[in-house]
Amino acid sequence: MSGIYVHIPFCKSKCYYCDFYSIVLTSRTKYLKDEFLSALLRELELQKNFFAHRQIDTIYFGGGTPSLFSAREINEILEKIFSLFPVRTDAEITLEVNPDDFSVEFARALKRITPVNRLSIGVQSFVDKDLQVLGRRHDAHQADSAVITAQDIGFQNISIDFIYGIPGSVDPFYSMELNLSKFYSLHLPHLSAYTLTIEPETVFGKWQRMGKLKPIDDDTFARLYETITKSLIGHDYLHYEISNYAKQGFLSGHNFSYWTGEPYLGVGPAAHSFGGDYRYWNIANIEIYLKEISQNKTHQHKEKLSERDKFNEYIMTHLRTYQGIDTEYLKQNFSTYYQNISQQIEQFEQQGFLYRNKQGNFALTMRGKLIADSLIAELFV
């Protein structure tokens, strides 16, 4: 699989927890939107040989807020991609949307004039108090309405996001119960559920340093995660990645390709790309990005991956998924590095953090998922 990620770096406002690169559209910055669209189309032209004729299986519009672009602008970008790259006729094409942007008119135009066939709706919560604490622009009614509108217009492949363990809101377990109940009632095929992570450069990070925000303790996060996971599995959702759950046939193909080491091209400021031996990324500054593209320059940053890097990358990404790590693959491709961790893997299995799945690979148990980052770090060489 190969994928293209399109980063739309604009938002109406910055959420208190968000650490992704974006700028707020104001009367002073609005001119950048048109300039960005032209630069993005040019960057795609400059990158037309990135994949060496590999077929494109997925396209993903993220941000920022991609739904700030009109359906016609989204389609203009897709037409450019289709003209430059061999895209599969049944490619998964995802658009992230915010509930407050997702009007009936926009949904109809999206369905009518674009090949977008998957939506990722940034709900975060169906509890108004949660949304206020997070600094979201929409309320619970708008979140519910966005999902129903998408379904009524004919979108079937829909994912929503939840953030749980929000400090300063309602009881986190009560909030979780309300959110899951609403999720099940909407009969959605995919859910991404994330613990709230407080990044230093966000509003939440500033509030934490000032003593205005006290994060929820790790034990509570662990109990929330375990409860959410058991509930979703009980409703026949496949827990296919640490934070992602899907009905059969509705896994996010684009994101899953990241976790399984497939090549992808990222366009737009701050977007990352991966080509197997190299990792590339654009600068997280729209003014510099626009200048560089106008000079026909792409990928301002480039890093060659060593064999050690590739080994660690495999451990980090594959162990996040239900497929786990294939020790036979590691023996054949990274024999020396594998020998360094083989005993540690066996020890983790004995301690109940890893188990052998149906494919014979080592995957995380529920206990393992609760401390996944530390386990992965201990397997790095």
Protein backbone atom coordinates (compact mmCIF):
# COMPACT_ATOMS: atom_id res chain seq x y z
CA MET A 1 0.00 0.00 0.00
CA SER A 2 1.04 3.59 -0.64
CA GLY A 3 -0.70 6.71 0.54
CA ILE A 4 -0.78 10.48 0.16
CA TYR A 5 -1.37 12.75 3.14
CA VAL A 6 -2.53 16.33 2.52
CA HIS A 7 -2.02 18.72 5.43
CA ILE A 8 -4.46 21.65 5.50
CA PRO A 9 -2.86 24.08 7.99
CA PHE A 10 -5.81 26.31 8.85
CA CYS A 11 -8.25 26.47 11.76
CA LYS A 12 -10.97 28.86 12.91
CA SER A 13 -9.42 28.75 16.38
CA LYS A 14 -6.79 26.71 18.22
CA CYS A 15 -8.09 24.02 20.60
CA TYR A 16 -6.49 24.11 24.04
CA TYR A 17 -4.89 20.65 23.69
CA CYS A 18 -3.81 20.70 20.03
CA ASP A 19 -0.11 20.48 19.14
CA PHE A 20 -0.52 19.96 15.37
CA TYR A 21 0.77 22.70 13.10
CA SER A 22 -1.93 25.14 12.03
CA ILE A 23 -2.61 28.86 11.87
CA VAL A 24 -5.85 30.61 12.75
CA LEU A 25 -7.66 32.13 9.76
CA THR A 26 -8.26 35.82 10.40
CA SER A 27 -8.76 38.86 8.18
CA ARG A 28 -4.96 39.27 8.35
CA THR A 29 -4.08 35.67 7.37
CA LYS A 30 -6.99 34.86 5.05
CA TYR A 31 -4.94 35.67 1.94
CA LEU A 32 -2.67 32.71 2.73
CA LYS A 33 -5.46 30.24 1.97
CA ASP A 34 -5.47 30.89 -1.79
CA GLU A 35 -1.69 31.07 -1.93
CA PHE A 36 -1.48 27.78 -0.07
CA LEU A 37 -3.82 25.99 -2.47
CA SER A 38 -1.69 27.04 -5.45
CA ALA A 39 1.50 25.99 -3.65
CA LEU A 40 0.01 22.64 -2.67
CA LEU A 41 -0.92 21.86 -6.27
CA ARG A 42 2.60 22.84 -7.32
CA GLU A 43 4.16 20.64 -4.62
CA LEU A 44 2.18 17.66 -5.91
CA GLU A 45 3.58 18.29 -9.38
CA LEU A 46 7.11 18.48 -7.98
CA GLN A 47 6.59 15.18 -6.15
CA LYS A 48 5.00 13.25 -9.01
CA ASN A 49 7.92 10.77 -9.13
CA PHE A 50 8.09 10.14 -5.38
CA PHE A 51 6.61 6.64 -5.55
CA ALA A 52 8.34 5.39 -8.71
CA HIS A 53 4.99 4.32 -10.19
CA ARG A 54 3.64 2.58 -7.07
CA GLN A 55 -0.14 2.49 -6.98
CA ILE A 56 -1.85 4.83 -4.52
CA ASP A 57 -4.24 3.04 -2.19
CA THR A 58 -5.18 5.83 0.22
CA ILE A 59 -5.49 9.61 0.32
CA TYR A 60 -6.00 11.44 3.61
CA PHE A 61 -6.85 15.11 4.23
CA GLY A 62 -5.80 16.13 7.75
CA GLY A 63 -4.91 19.29 9.56
CA GLY A 64 -5.73 21.77 10.83
CA THR A 65 -9.25 21.76 9.55
CA PRO A 66 -9.65 20.42 5.99
CA SER A 67 -13.38 21.17 6.07
CA LEU A 68 -12.55 24.89 5.93
CA PHE A 69 -11.93 24.27 2.23
CA SER A 70 -14.95 24.02 -0.06
CA ALA A 71 -15.90 20.77 -1.76
CA ARG A 72 -14.72 22.26 -5.06
CA GLU A 73 -11.31 23.09 -3.58
CA ILE A 74 -11.02 19.57 -2.14
CA ASN A 75 -11.91 18.18 -5.54
CA GLU A 76 -9.34 20.41 -7.25
CA ILE A 77 -6.64 18.86 -5.06
CA LEU A 78 -7.93 15.34 -5.77
CA GLU A 79 -8.06 15.97 -9.51
CA LYS A 80 -4.42 17.03 -9.38
CA ILE A 81 -3.49 13.87 -7.45
CA PHE A 82 -5.40 11.66 -9.90
CA SER A 83 -3.68 13.36 -12.84
CA LEU A 84 -0.18 12.79 -11.43
CA PHE A 85 -0.35 9.46 -9.60
CA PRO A 86 -1.80 5.99 -10.40
CA VAL A 87 -4.65 5.98 -7.87
CA ARG A 88 -6.68 2.80 -7.43
CA THR A 89 -10.30 3.12 -8.51
CA ASP A 90 -11.40 1.89 -5.07
CA ALA A 91 -8.87 3.96 -3.10
CA GLU A 92 -9.82 4.96 0.44
CA ILE A 93 -10.14 8.78 0.44
CA THR A 94 -10.60 10.32 3.90
CA LEU A 95 -11.49 13.86 4.84
CA GLU A 96 -11.27 15.15 8.40
CA VAL A 97 -14.19 17.44 9.22
CA ASN A 98 -15.22 19.49 12.22
CA PRO A 99 -18.87 19.32 13.30
CA ASP A 100 -19.34 23.11 13.16
CA ASP A 101 -18.23 23.18 9.48
CA PHE A 102 -20.23 20.20 8.31
CA SER A 103 -23.44 21.68 6.93
CA VAL A 104 -25.96 19.78 4.83
CA GLU A 105 -24.90 21.88 1.83
CA PHE A 106 -21.23 21.03 2.30
CA ALA A 107 -22.00 17.32 2.79
CA ARG A 108 -24.11 17.20 -0.37
CA ALA A 109 -21.45 19.00 -2.42
CA LEU A 110 -18.78 16.67 -1.05
CA LYS A 111 -20.80 13.63 -2.01
CA ARG A 112 -21.77 14.99 -5.42
CA ILE A 113 -18.53 16.41 -6.81
CA THR A 114 -15.69 14.61 -5.00
CA PRO A 115 -14.58 10.96 -4.69
CA VAL A 116 -14.23 11.29 -0.89
CA ASN A 117 -15.60 8.05 0.56
CA ARG A 118 -14.56 8.18 4.21
CA LEU A 119 -15.10 10.85 6.86
CA SER A 120 -13.26 11.35 10.12
CA ILE A 121 -15.39 13.63 12.28
CA GLY A 122 -13.66 15.43 15.14
CA VAL A 123 -16.38 14.91 17.74
CA GLN A 124 -14.04 14.51 20.78
CA SER A 125 -17.07 14.22 23.07
CA PHE A 126 -20.86 14.28 23.10
CA VAL A 127 -20.74 16.03 26.50
CA ASP A 128 -20.96 19.83 26.33
CA LYS A 129 -18.83 20.40 29.42
CA ASP A 130 -16.03 18.29 27.92
CA LEU A 131 -16.11 20.33 24.71
CA GLN A 132 -15.98 23.62 26.61
CA VAL A 133 -12.95 22.48 28.61
CA LEU A 134 -11.18 21.37 25.41
CA GLY A 135 -11.82 24.71 23.71
CA ARG A 136 -13.86 23.16 20.89
CA ARG A 137 -16.10 25.42 18.78
CA HIS A 138 -18.98 22.96 18.48
CA ASP A 139 -21.43 21.60 21.05
CA ALA A 140 -22.84 18.12 21.57
CA HIS A 141 -25.89 18.80 19.40
CA GLN A 142 -23.69 19.87 16.46
CA ALA A 143 -21.57 16.74 16.89
CA ASP A 144 -24.63 14.52 16.79
CA SER A 145 -26.07 16.46 13.84
CA ALA A 146 -22.83 16.17 11.83
CA VAL A 147 -22.80 12.38 12.13
CA ILE A 148 -26.48 12.04 11.22
CA THR A 149 -26.09 14.45 8.29
CA ALA A 150 -23.18 12.41 6.93
CA GLN A 151 -25.21 9.21 7.21
CA ASP A 152 -28.29 10.77 5.61
CA ILE A 153 -26.23 12.05 2.67
CA GLY A 154 -24.94 8.53 2.06
CA PHE A 155 -21.54 8.29 3.78
CA GLN A 156 -21.17 4.85 5.35
CA ASN A 157 -17.47 4.72 6.21
CA ILE A 158 -17.41 7.18 9.11
CA SER A 159 -15.00 7.44 12.02
CA ILE A 160 -15.23 9.73 15.01
CA ASP A 161 -12.63 10.75 17.59
CA PHE A 162 -13.02 10.72 21.37
CA ILE A 163 -10.71 12.26 23.96
CA TYR A 164 -11.12 10.83 27.43
CA GLY A 165 -9.75 11.70 30.85
CA ILE A 166 -10.41 15.43 30.48
CA PRO A 167 -9.48 17.35 33.66
CA GLY A 168 -11.86 19.96 35.02
CA SER A 169 -14.90 18.43 33.35
CA VAL A 170 -17.55 16.01 34.54
CA ASP A 171 -16.67 12.68 36.14
CA PRO A 172 -14.48 10.93 33.50
CA PHE A 173 -16.23 7.57 33.86
CA TYR A 174 -19.67 9.13 33.58
CA SER A 175 -18.53 11.07 30.51
CA MET A 176 -17.11 7.90 28.98
CA GLU A 177 -20.37 6.03 29.60
CA LEU A 178 -22.41 8.76 27.90
CA ASN A 179 -20.05 8.94 24.94
CA LEU A 180 -19.96 5.20 24.33
CA SER A 181 -23.73 4.94 24.64
CA LYS A 182 -24.15 7.67 22.04
CA PHE A 183 -21.51 6.08 19.79
CA TYR A 184 -23.29 2.72 19.80
CA SER A 185 -26.66 4.35 19.09
CA LEU A 186 -25.24 5.93 15.93
CA HIS A 187 -24.06 2.54 14.58
CA LEU A 188 -20.68 3.88 13.48
CA PRO A 189 -18.03 1.48 12.13
CA HIS A 190 -14.89 3.14 13.52
CA LEU A 191 -13.73 4.92 16.66
CA SER A 192 -10.41 6.53 17.60
CA ALA A 193 -10.21 7.02 21.37
CA TYR A 194 -7.29 8.98 22.78
CA THR A 195 -6.09 9.78 26.27
CA LEU A 196 -5.63 13.49 26.76
CA THR A 197 -1.94 14.28 26.35
CA ILE A 198 -0.82 17.70 27.55
CA GLU A 199 1.86 19.08 25.23
CA PRO A 200 4.17 21.87 26.52
CA GLU A 201 3.40 24.45 23.81
CA THR A 202 -0.39 24.21 24.03
CA VAL A 203 -2.80 26.25 26.15
CA PHE A 204 -3.18 23.22 28.43
CA GLY A 205 0.61 23.05 28.75
CA LYS A 206 0.72 26.68 29.83
CA TRP A 207 -2.13 26.17 32.30
CA GLN A 208 -0.38 23.14 33.78
CA ARG A 209 2.82 25.16 34.37
CA MET A 210 0.72 27.88 36.03
CA GLY A 211 -1.00 25.36 38.28
CA LYS A 212 -4.40 26.02 36.68
CA LEU A 213 -4.77 22.51 35.28
CA LYS A 214 -4.19 19.23 37.09
CA PRO A 215 -3.98 16.18 34.80
CA ILE A 216 -5.84 13.01 35.65
CA ASP A 217 -3.61 10.41 37.28
CA ASP A 218 -2.19 7.44 35.37
CA ASP A 219 -4.25 4.88 37.28
CA THR A 220 -7.50 6.58 36.27
CA PHE A 221 -6.35 6.74 32.65
CA ALA A 222 -5.52 3.03 32.76
CA ARG A 223 -8.93 2.12 34.17
CA LEU A 224 -10.67 4.29 31.57
CA TYR A 225 -8.69 2.71 28.74
CA GLU A 226 -9.38 -0.81 29.92
CA THR A 227 -13.10 -0.11 30.36
CA ILE A 228 -13.42 1.50 26.91
CA THR A 229 -11.53 -1.34 25.23
CA LYS A 230 -13.51 -4.12 26.89
CA SER A 231 -16.77 -2.37 26.03
CA LEU A 232 -15.89 -1.96 22.34
CA ILE A 233 -14.60 -5.51 22.01
CA GLY A 234 -17.85 -6.65 23.61
CA HIS A 235 -19.70 -4.82 20.84
CA ASP A 236 -17.68 -6.66 18.15
CA TYR A 237 -15.19 -3.92 17.38
CA LEU A 238 -11.69 -5.07 16.46
CA HIS A 239 -9.06 -3.39 18.62
CA TYR A 240 -6.57 -3.17 15.76
CA GLU A 241 -4.29 -0.44 17.11
CA ILE A 242 -3.72 0.91 20.60
CA SER A 243 -6.19 3.81 20.15
CA ASN A 244 -8.31 2.51 17.26
CA TYR A 245 -11.34 0.22 17.02
CA ALA A 246 -13.27 -0.86 13.93
CA LYS A 247 -15.94 -3.17 12.65
CA GLN A 248 -14.65 -5.79 10.24
CA GLY A 249 -13.82 -4.17 6.90
CA PHE A 250 -13.62 -0.63 8.29
CA LEU A 251 -10.03 -0.35 9.48
CA SER A 252 -8.38 2.94 8.50
CA GLY A 253 -6.28 1.79 5.58
CA HIS A 254 -4.30 5.01 5.50
CA ASN A 255 -3.31 5.05 9.16
CA PHE A 256 -2.71 1.32 9.20
CA SER A 257 -0.19 1.73 6.39
CA TYR A 258 1.80 4.07 8.68
CA TRP A 259 1.95 1.39 11.37
CA THR A 260 3.03 -1.33 8.95
CA GLY A 261 5.86 0.61 7.29
CA GLU A 262 4.33 1.37 3.89
CA PRO A 263 5.65 4.39 1.93
CA TYR A 264 3.65 7.59 1.97
CA LEU A 265 3.96 11.12 0.65
CA GLY A 266 2.98 14.07 2.80
CA VAL A 267 2.32 17.48 1.24
CA GLY A 268 1.73 20.82 2.93
CA PRO A 269 3.64 22.55 5.74
CA ALA A 270 4.78 20.20 8.54
CA ALA A 271 3.77 17.13 6.51
CA HIS A 272 6.03 14.05 6.78
CA SER A 273 6.89 11.50 4.10
CA PHE A 274 8.45 8.06 4.23
CA GLY A 275 10.17 6.30 1.36
CA GLY A 276 11.66 3.20 2.98
CA ASP A 277 15.27 4.32 3.37
CA TYR A 278 14.56 7.99 4.00
CA ARG A 279 12.20 10.09 6.07
CA TYR A 280 11.33 13.58 4.87
CA TRP A 281 9.39 16.49 6.31
CA ASN A 282 8.35 19.98 5.34
CA ILE A 283 8.97 22.95 7.57
CA ALA A 284 6.20 23.86 10.02
CA ASN A 285 5.92 27.43 8.79
CA ILE A 286 3.52 28.38 6.03
CA GLU A 287 5.39 31.51 4.90
CA ILE A 288 8.67 29.61 4.44
CA TYR A 289 6.78 26.70 2.88
CA LEU A 290 5.19 29.01 0.30
CA LYS A 291 8.56 30.59 -0.50
CA GLU A 292 10.30 27.23 -0.90
CA ILE A 293 7.60 25.82 -3.20
CA SER A 294 7.71 28.99 -5.33
CA GLN A 295 11.40 28.17 -5.85
CA ASN A 296 10.53 24.56 -6.76
CA LYS A 297 12.06 23.22 -3.54
CA THR A 298 10.47 20.35 -1.62
CA HIS A 299 11.19 18.40 1.55
CA GLN A 300 13.23 20.96 3.44
CA HIS A 301 14.37 18.21 5.82
CA LYS A 302 15.66 14.72 5.03
CA GLU A 303 16.98 11.89 7.18
CA LYS A 304 18.55 8.61 6.01
CA LEU A 305 17.45 5.73 8.20
CA SER A 306 20.14 3.40 9.50
CA GLU A 307 19.51 -0.32 9.98
CA ARG A 308 19.13 0.41 13.71
CA ASP A 309 16.55 3.09 12.90
CA LYS A 310 14.61 0.68 10.70
CA PHE A 311 14.65 -2.00 13.38
CA ASN A 312 13.42 0.37 16.08
CA GLU A 313 10.80 1.76 13.73
CA TYR A 314 9.49 -1.73 13.05
CA ILE A 315 9.22 -2.48 16.78
CA MET A 316 7.55 0.85 17.54
CA THR A 317 4.93 0.74 14.80
CA HIS A 318 4.08 -2.95 14.53
CA LEU A 319 3.78 -3.52 18.25
CA ARG A 320 1.05 -0.87 18.35
CA THR A 321 -1.14 -3.06 16.15
CA TYR A 322 -3.00 -6.29 16.64
CA GLN A 323 -0.68 -7.95 14.11
CA GLY A 324 2.29 -7.55 16.43
CA ILE A 325 5.95 -8.20 15.62
CA ASP A 326 7.01 -11.06 13.39
CA THR A 327 10.13 -12.57 14.97
CA GLU A 328 10.90 -14.62 11.85
CA TYR A 329 11.00 -11.39 9.84
CA LEU A 330 13.30 -9.85 12.45
CA LYS A 331 15.60 -12.89 12.41
CA GLN A 332 15.91 -12.74 8.62
CA ASN A 333 16.33 -8.98 8.28
CA PHE A 334 17.84 -7.81 11.58
CA SER A 335 19.42 -10.93 13.05
CA THR A 336 22.00 -9.15 15.25
CA TYR A 337 19.52 -6.68 16.68
CA TYR A 338 16.93 -9.40 17.21
CA GLN A 339 19.40 -11.44 19.26
CA ASN A 340 19.80 -8.44 21.55
CA ILE A 341 16.10 -8.40 22.44
CA SER A 342 14.97 -12.02 22.08
CA GLN A 343 15.33 -12.73 25.79
CA GLN A 344 13.51 -9.51 26.66
CA ILE A 345 10.59 -10.54 24.43
CA GLU A 346 10.40 -13.91 26.17
CA GLN A 347 10.47 -12.18 29.55
CA PHE A 348 7.64 -9.85 28.54
CA GLU A 349 5.63 -12.88 27.46
CA GLN A 350 6.22 -14.58 30.81
CA GLN A 351 5.19 -11.40 32.63
CA GLY A 352 1.91 -11.27 30.70
CA PHE A 353 2.68 -8.19 28.59
CA LEU A 354 2.98 -10.06 25.27
CA TYR A 355 1.26 -13.08 23.77
CA ARG A 356 1.49 -15.03 20.52
CA ASN A 357 -1.44 -14.22 18.24
CA LYS A 358 -2.98 -16.45 15.56
CA GLN A 359 -0.22 -15.53 13.11
CA GLY A 360 2.44 -16.56 15.62
CA ASN A 361 3.54 -12.96 16.13
CA PHE A 362 4.08 -11.30 19.49
CA ALA A 363 1.34 -8.77 20.25
CA LEU A 364 0.49 -6.70 23.32
CA THR A 365 -1.91 -8.07 25.91
CA MET A 366 -4.26 -5.67 27.69
CA ARG A 367 -1.67 -5.34 30.46
CA GLY A 368 0.94 -4.63 27.83
CA LYS A 369 -1.14 -1.96 26.13
CA LEU A 370 -1.40 -0.05 29.40
CA ILE A 371 2.38 0.44 29.44
CA ALA A 372 3.06 0.13 25.70
CA ASP A 373 5.43 3.10 25.44
CA SER A 374 7.76 1.80 28.15
CA LEU A 375 7.75 -1.76 26.74
CA ILE A 376 8.56 -0.50 23.26
CA ALA A 377 11.37 1.69 24.61
CA GLU A 378 12.93 -1.32 26.37
CA LEU A 379 12.99 -3.21 23.05
CA PHE A 380 14.86 -0.45 21.23
CA VAL A 381 18.51 -1.15 20.39
